[in-house]
Amino acid sequence: MKACGVVCILLGAVYGTYISVRERRRRRELLSDLCGALSRLGDEIRLSRIPFPELLEHLSETCGADAARFFRTVSGGVRQGRTPSAIWIQEADALSLSAVDRATLREFASVLRGDEEQIRRTVSVLSARLERSLQEMDASAAGDIRRSAALIFSAAALIVILLY
């Protein structure tokens, strides 16, 4: 019976590590998609005269699920007559990013009613900040995963020791 408990605990530790790694990859993919989309947004604003909701829909087509949902929700809210900056802030706060990255995205809402040049400059600055955050995430990834796995397996080992 104890052996079965030990196996269950170790399987739980493996599953916890898997979930941790998967969530980290999901956040990284979301951040990467947002960086790319914001870069494209700056180019699209300069090159085309597409209305903002349609532009966001277009950006959502090239993103992963989380970023696409963000852009589609903002686009849908704007089409329903909601204020672009309010819906942008609300949806940015709902993303599974760090507080700093969410704050960076919220900053864009302040220029949504500005002129084209101001929006492009802000998009460029925000995209660069998100790109730096992505690079920092990549640099710390291996160490964070090892620490997380070590913590989970240490807790599992402690529980196994306490069972015997």
C-alpha atoms as a PDB file:
ATOM      1  CA  MET A   1       0.000   0.000   0.000  1.00  0.00           C
ATOM      2  CA  LYS A   2       2.843   2.397   0.856  1.00  0.00           C
ATOM      3  CA  ALA A   3       4.557   1.574  -2.436  1.00  0.00           C
ATOM      4  CA  CYS A   4       1.409   2.550  -4.311  1.00  0.00           C
ATOM      5  CA  GLY A   5       1.326   5.839  -2.373  1.00  0.00           C
ATOM      6  CA  VAL A   6       4.973   6.495  -3.202  1.00  0.00           C
ATOM      7  CA  VAL A   7       4.346   5.858  -6.903  1.00  0.00           C
ATOM      8  CA  CYS A   8       1.313   8.187  -6.851  1.00  0.00           C
ATOM      9  CA  ILE A   9       3.324  10.917  -5.146  1.00  0.00           C
ATOM     10  CA  LEU A  10       6.178  10.627  -7.636  1.00  0.00           C
ATOM     11  CA  LEU A  11       3.741  10.634 -10.552  1.00  0.00           C
ATOM     12  CA  GLY A  12       2.181  13.751  -9.063  1.00  0.00           C
ATOM     13  CA  ALA A  13       5.624  15.360  -8.908  1.00  0.00           C
ATOM     14  CA  VAL A  14       6.279  14.499 -12.546  1.00  0.00           C
ATOM     15  CA  TYR A  15       2.871  15.882 -13.510  1.00  0.00           C
ATOM     16  CA  GLY A  16       3.498  19.070 -11.503  1.00  0.00           C
ATOM     17  CA  THR A  17       6.792  19.590 -13.316  1.00  0.00           C
ATOM     18  CA  TYR A  18       5.094  18.991 -16.655  1.00  0.00           C
ATOM     19  CA  ILE A  19       2.359  21.536 -15.856  1.00  0.00           C
ATOM     20  CA  SER A  20       4.967  24.086 -14.770  1.00  0.00           C
ATOM     21  CA  VAL A  21       6.966  23.689 -17.988  1.00  0.00           C
ATOM     22  CA  ARG A  22       3.818  23.771 -20.125  1.00  0.00           C
ATOM     23  CA  GLU A  23       2.595  26.988 -18.487  1.00  0.00           C
ATOM     24  CA  ARG A  24       5.988  28.604 -18.970  1.00  0.00           C
ATOM     25  CA  ARG A  25       5.957  27.683 -22.660  1.00  0.00           C
ATOM     26  CA  ARG A  26       2.433  29.026 -22.994  1.00  0.00           C
ATOM     27  CA  ARG A  27       3.445  32.385 -21.468  1.00  0.00           C
ATOM     28  CA  ARG A  28       6.500  32.503 -23.710  1.00  0.00           C
ATOM     29  CA  GLU A  29       4.444  31.797 -26.824  1.00  0.00           C
ATOM     30  CA  LEU A  30       1.927  34.481 -25.846  1.00  0.00           C
ATOM     31  CA  LEU A  31       4.669  37.033 -25.263  1.00  0.00           C
ATOM     32  CA  SER A  32       6.365  36.113 -28.535  1.00  0.00           C
ATOM     33  CA  ASP A  33       3.076  36.403 -30.439  1.00  0.00           C
ATOM     34  CA  LEU A  34       2.349  39.794 -28.890  1.00  0.00           C
ATOM     35  CA  CYS A  35       5.844  41.066 -29.781  1.00  0.00           C
ATOM     36  CA  GLY A  36       5.448  39.999 -33.383  1.00  0.00           C
ATOM     37  CA  ALA A  37       1.898  41.311 -33.650  1.00  0.00           C
ATOM     38  CA  LEU A  38       2.803  44.704 -32.225  1.00  0.00           C
ATOM     39  CA  SER A  39       5.693  44.986 -34.682  1.00  0.00           C
ATOM     40  CA  ARG A  40       3.328  44.154 -37.542  1.00  0.00           C
ATOM     41  CA  LEU A  41       0.772  46.597 -36.128  1.00  0.00           C
ATOM     42  CA  GLY A  42       3.245  49.445 -36.436  1.00  0.00           C
ATOM     43  CA  ASP A  43       3.961  48.513 -40.050  1.00  0.00           C
ATOM     44  CA  GLU A  44       0.280  48.080 -40.905  1.00  0.00           C
ATOM     45  CA  ILE A  45      -0.640  51.452 -39.436  1.00  0.00           C
ATOM     46  CA  ARG A  46       1.995  53.087 -41.622  1.00  0.00           C
ATOM     47  CA  LEU A  47       1.276  51.156 -44.820  1.00  0.00           C
ATOM     48  CA  SER A  48      -2.490  50.667 -44.846  1.00  0.00           C
ATOM     49  CA  ARG A  49      -5.625  52.534 -43.935  1.00  0.00           C
ATOM     50  CA  ILE A  50      -7.450  49.537 -42.493  1.00  0.00           C
ATOM     51  CA  PRO A  51      -9.856  50.369 -39.632  1.00  0.00           C
ATOM     52  CA  PHE A  52      -8.530  49.377 -36.199  1.00  0.00           C
ATOM     53  CA  PRO A  53     -10.973  46.464 -35.541  1.00  0.00           C
ATOM     54  CA  GLU A  54     -10.187  44.892 -38.905  1.00  0.00           C
ATOM     55  CA  LEU A  55      -6.476  45.404 -38.328  1.00  0.00           C
ATOM     56  CA  LEU A  56      -6.702  43.553 -35.011  1.00  0.00           C
ATOM     57  CA  GLU A  57      -8.657  40.726 -36.674  1.00  0.00           C
ATOM     58  CA  HIS A  58      -5.939  40.500 -39.323  1.00  0.00           C
ATOM     59  CA  LEU A  59      -3.234  40.345 -36.623  1.00  0.00           C
ATOM     60  CA  SER A  60      -5.103  37.599 -34.770  1.00  0.00           C
ATOM     61  CA  GLU A  61      -4.853  35.306 -37.787  1.00  0.00           C
ATOM     62  CA  THR A  62      -1.084  34.983 -37.425  1.00  0.00           C
ATOM     63  CA  CYS A  63      -0.948  34.509 -33.640  1.00  0.00           C
ATOM     64  CA  GLY A  64      -1.289  31.610 -31.270  1.00  0.00           C
ATOM     65  CA  ALA A  65      -4.580  30.940 -29.461  1.00  0.00           C
ATOM     66  CA  ASP A  66      -4.091  33.263 -26.460  1.00  0.00           C
ATOM     67  CA  ALA A  67      -2.860  36.273 -28.431  1.00  0.00           C
ATOM     68  CA  ALA A  68      -5.507  35.711 -31.120  1.00  0.00           C
ATOM     69  CA  ARG A  69      -8.219  35.642 -28.451  1.00  0.00           C
ATOM     70  CA  PHE A  70      -6.855  38.915 -27.049  1.00  0.00           C
ATOM     71  CA  PHE A  71      -6.935  40.688 -30.417  1.00  0.00           C
ATOM     72  CA  ARG A  72     -10.344  39.272 -31.376  1.00  0.00           C
ATOM     73  CA  THR A  73     -11.880  40.292 -28.063  1.00  0.00           C
ATOM     74  CA  VAL A  74     -10.518  43.822 -28.355  1.00  0.00           C
ATOM     75  CA  SER A  75     -11.717  44.013 -31.959  1.00  0.00           C
ATOM     76  CA  GLY A  76     -15.166  42.714 -31.028  1.00  0.00           C
ATOM     77  CA  GLY A  77     -15.437  45.191 -28.162  1.00  0.00           C
ATOM     78  CA  VAL A  78     -14.542  48.106 -30.432  1.00  0.00           C
ATOM     79  CA  ARG A  79     -17.113  46.961 -32.994  1.00  0.00           C
ATOM     80  CA  GLN A  80     -19.743  46.861 -30.244  1.00  0.00           C
ATOM     81  CA  GLY A  81     -19.026  50.507 -29.533  1.00  0.00           C
ATOM     82  CA  ARG A  82     -16.853  50.141 -26.455  1.00  0.00           C
ATOM     83  CA  THR A  83     -13.934  52.494 -25.958  1.00  0.00           C
ATOM     84  CA  PRO A  84     -10.790  50.954 -27.528  1.00  0.00           C
ATOM     85  CA  SER A  85      -8.563  51.946 -24.619  1.00  0.00           C
ATOM     86  CA  ALA A  86     -10.949  50.529 -21.999  1.00  0.00           C
ATOM     87  CA  ILE A  87     -11.339  47.172 -23.722  1.00  0.00           C
ATOM     88  CA  TRP A  88      -7.574  47.017 -24.418  1.00  0.00           C
ATOM     89  CA  ILE A  89      -6.764  47.558 -20.731  1.00  0.00           C
ATOM     90  CA  GLN A  90      -9.373  45.050 -19.586  1.00  0.00           C
ATOM     91  CA  GLU A  91      -8.134  42.343 -21.917  1.00  0.00           C
ATOM     92  CA  ALA A  92      -4.450  43.085 -21.247  1.00  0.00           C
ATOM     93  CA  ASP A  93      -5.089  42.597 -17.518  1.00  0.00           C
ATOM     94  CA  ALA A  94      -6.645  39.191 -18.236  1.00  0.00           C
ATOM     95  CA  LEU A  95      -3.560  37.822 -20.023  1.00  0.00           C
ATOM     96  CA  SER A  96      -1.347  35.302 -18.263  1.00  0.00           C
ATOM     97  CA  LEU A  97       1.766  37.460 -18.362  1.00  0.00           C
ATOM     98  CA  SER A  98       3.928  39.012 -15.674  1.00  0.00           C
ATOM     99  CA  ALA A  99       2.661  42.202 -14.066  1.00  0.00           C
ATOM    100  CA  VAL A 100       5.373  44.201 -15.840  1.00  0.00           C
ATOM    101  CA  ASP A 101       4.394  42.843 -19.260  1.00  0.00           C
ATOM    102  CA  ARG A 102       0.695  43.502 -18.611  1.00  0.00           C
ATOM    103  CA  ALA A 103       1.568  47.070 -17.576  1.00  0.00           C
ATOM    104  CA  THR A 104       3.555  47.479 -20.786  1.00  0.00           C
ATOM    105  CA  LEU A 105       0.540  46.386 -22.824  1.00  0.00           C
ATOM    106  CA  ARG A 106      -1.764  48.695 -20.845  1.00  0.00           C
ATOM    107  CA  GLU A 107       0.440  51.648 -21.818  1.00  0.00           C
ATOM    108  CA  PHE A 108      -0.617  51.217 -25.429  1.00  0.00           C
ATOM    109  CA  ALA A 109      -4.207  52.045 -24.494  1.00  0.00           C
ATOM    110  CA  SER A 110      -3.202  55.609 -23.697  1.00  0.00           C
ATOM    111  CA  VAL A 111      -2.294  56.372 -27.314  1.00  0.00           C
ATOM    112  CA  LEU A 112      -5.142  54.609 -29.101  1.00  0.00           C
ATOM    113  CA  ARG A 113      -6.789  57.956 -29.754  1.00  0.00           C
ATOM    114  CA  GLY A 114      -3.543  59.638 -30.782  1.00  0.00           C
ATOM    115  CA  ASP A 115      -2.237  60.342 -34.237  1.00  0.00           C
ATOM    116  CA  GLU A 116      -0.657  57.726 -36.462  1.00  0.00           C
ATOM    117  CA  GLU A 117       2.933  58.752 -35.740  1.00  0.00           C
ATOM    118  CA  GLN A 118       2.428  58.702 -31.976  1.00  0.00           C
ATOM    119  CA  ILE A 119       0.824  55.255 -32.139  1.00  0.00           C
ATOM    120  CA  ARG A 120       3.676  53.908 -34.273  1.00  0.00           C
ATOM    121  CA  ARG A 121       6.329  55.294 -31.903  1.00  0.00           C
ATOM    122  CA  THR A 122       4.544  53.829 -28.893  1.00  0.00           C
ATOM    123  CA  VAL A 123       4.103  50.465 -30.603  1.00  0.00           C
ATOM    124  CA  SER A 124       7.819  50.435 -31.408  1.00  0.00           C
ATOM    125  CA  VAL A 125       8.814  51.210 -27.814  1.00  0.00           C
ATOM    126  CA  LEU A 126       6.380  48.695 -26.326  1.00  0.00           C
ATOM    127  CA  SER A 127       7.406  45.999 -28.778  1.00  0.00           C
ATOM    128  CA  ALA A 128      11.060  46.531 -27.843  1.00  0.00           C
ATOM    129  CA  ARG A 129      10.214  46.271 -24.126  1.00  0.00           C
ATOM    130  CA  LEU A 130       8.254  43.070 -24.641  1.00  0.00           C
ATOM    131  CA  GLU A 131      11.103  41.684 -26.743  1.00  0.00           C
ATOM    132  CA  ARG A 132      13.556  42.404 -23.896  1.00  0.00           C
ATOM    133  CA  SER A 133      11.201  40.672 -21.487  1.00  0.00           C
ATOM    134  CA  LEU A 134      11.060  37.683 -23.824  1.00  0.00           C
ATOM    135  CA  GLN A 135      14.860  37.541 -23.976  1.00  0.00           C
ATOM    136  CA  GLU A 136      15.059  37.682 -20.178  1.00  0.00           C
ATOM    137  CA  MET A 137      12.483  34.894 -19.948  1.00  0.00           C
ATOM    138  CA  ASP A 138      14.523  32.767 -22.335  1.00  0.00           C
ATOM    139  CA  ALA A 139      17.742  33.456 -20.418  1.00  0.00           C
ATOM    140  CA  SER A 140      16.250  32.396 -17.098  1.00  0.00           C
ATOM    141  CA  ALA A 141      14.187  29.488 -18.454  1.00  0.00           C
ATOM    142  CA  ALA A 142      16.583  26.616 -17.760  1.00  0.00           C
ATOM    143  CA  GLY A 143      17.337  27.727 -14.212  1.00  0.00           C
ATOM    144  CA  ASP A 144      13.683  28.349 -13.395  1.00  0.00           C
ATOM    145  CA  ILE A 145      12.638  24.943 -14.713  1.00  0.00           C
ATOM    146  CA  ARG A 146      15.382  23.211 -12.722  1.00  0.00           C
ATOM    147  CA  ARG A 147      14.431  25.080  -9.539  1.00  0.00           C
ATOM    148  CA  SER A 148      10.752  24.316 -10.019  1.00  0.00           C
ATOM    149  CA  ALA A 149      11.413  20.629 -10.671  1.00  0.00           C
ATOM    150  CA  ALA A 150      13.782  20.428  -7.696  1.00  0.00           C
ATOM    151  CA  LEU A 151      11.186  21.980  -5.414  1.00  0.00           C
ATOM    152  CA  ILE A 152       8.423  19.657  -6.590  1.00  0.00           C
ATOM    153  CA  PHE A 153      10.581  16.532  -6.314  1.00  0.00           C
ATOM    154  CA  SER A 154      11.933  17.605  -2.914  1.00  0.00           C
ATOM    155  CA  ALA A 155       8.394  17.956  -1.622  1.00  0.00           C
ATOM    156  CA  ALA A 156       7.528  14.566  -3.084  1.00  0.00           C
ATOM    157  CA  ALA A 157      10.605  13.008  -1.494  1.00  0.00           C
ATOM    158  CA  LEU A 158       9.713  14.532   1.875  1.00  0.00           C
ATOM    159  CA  ILE A 159       6.219  13.079   1.679  1.00  0.00           C
ATOM    160  CA  VAL A 160       7.637   9.664   0.718  1.00  0.00           C
ATOM    161  CA  ILE A 161      10.026   9.807   3.696  1.00  0.00           C
ATOM    162  CA  LEU A 162       7.168  10.715   6.006  1.00  0.00           C
ATOM    163  CA  LEU A 163       5.141   7.753   4.731  1.00  0.00           C
ATOM    164  CA  TYR A 164       7.855   5.309   5.817  1.00  0.00           C
END
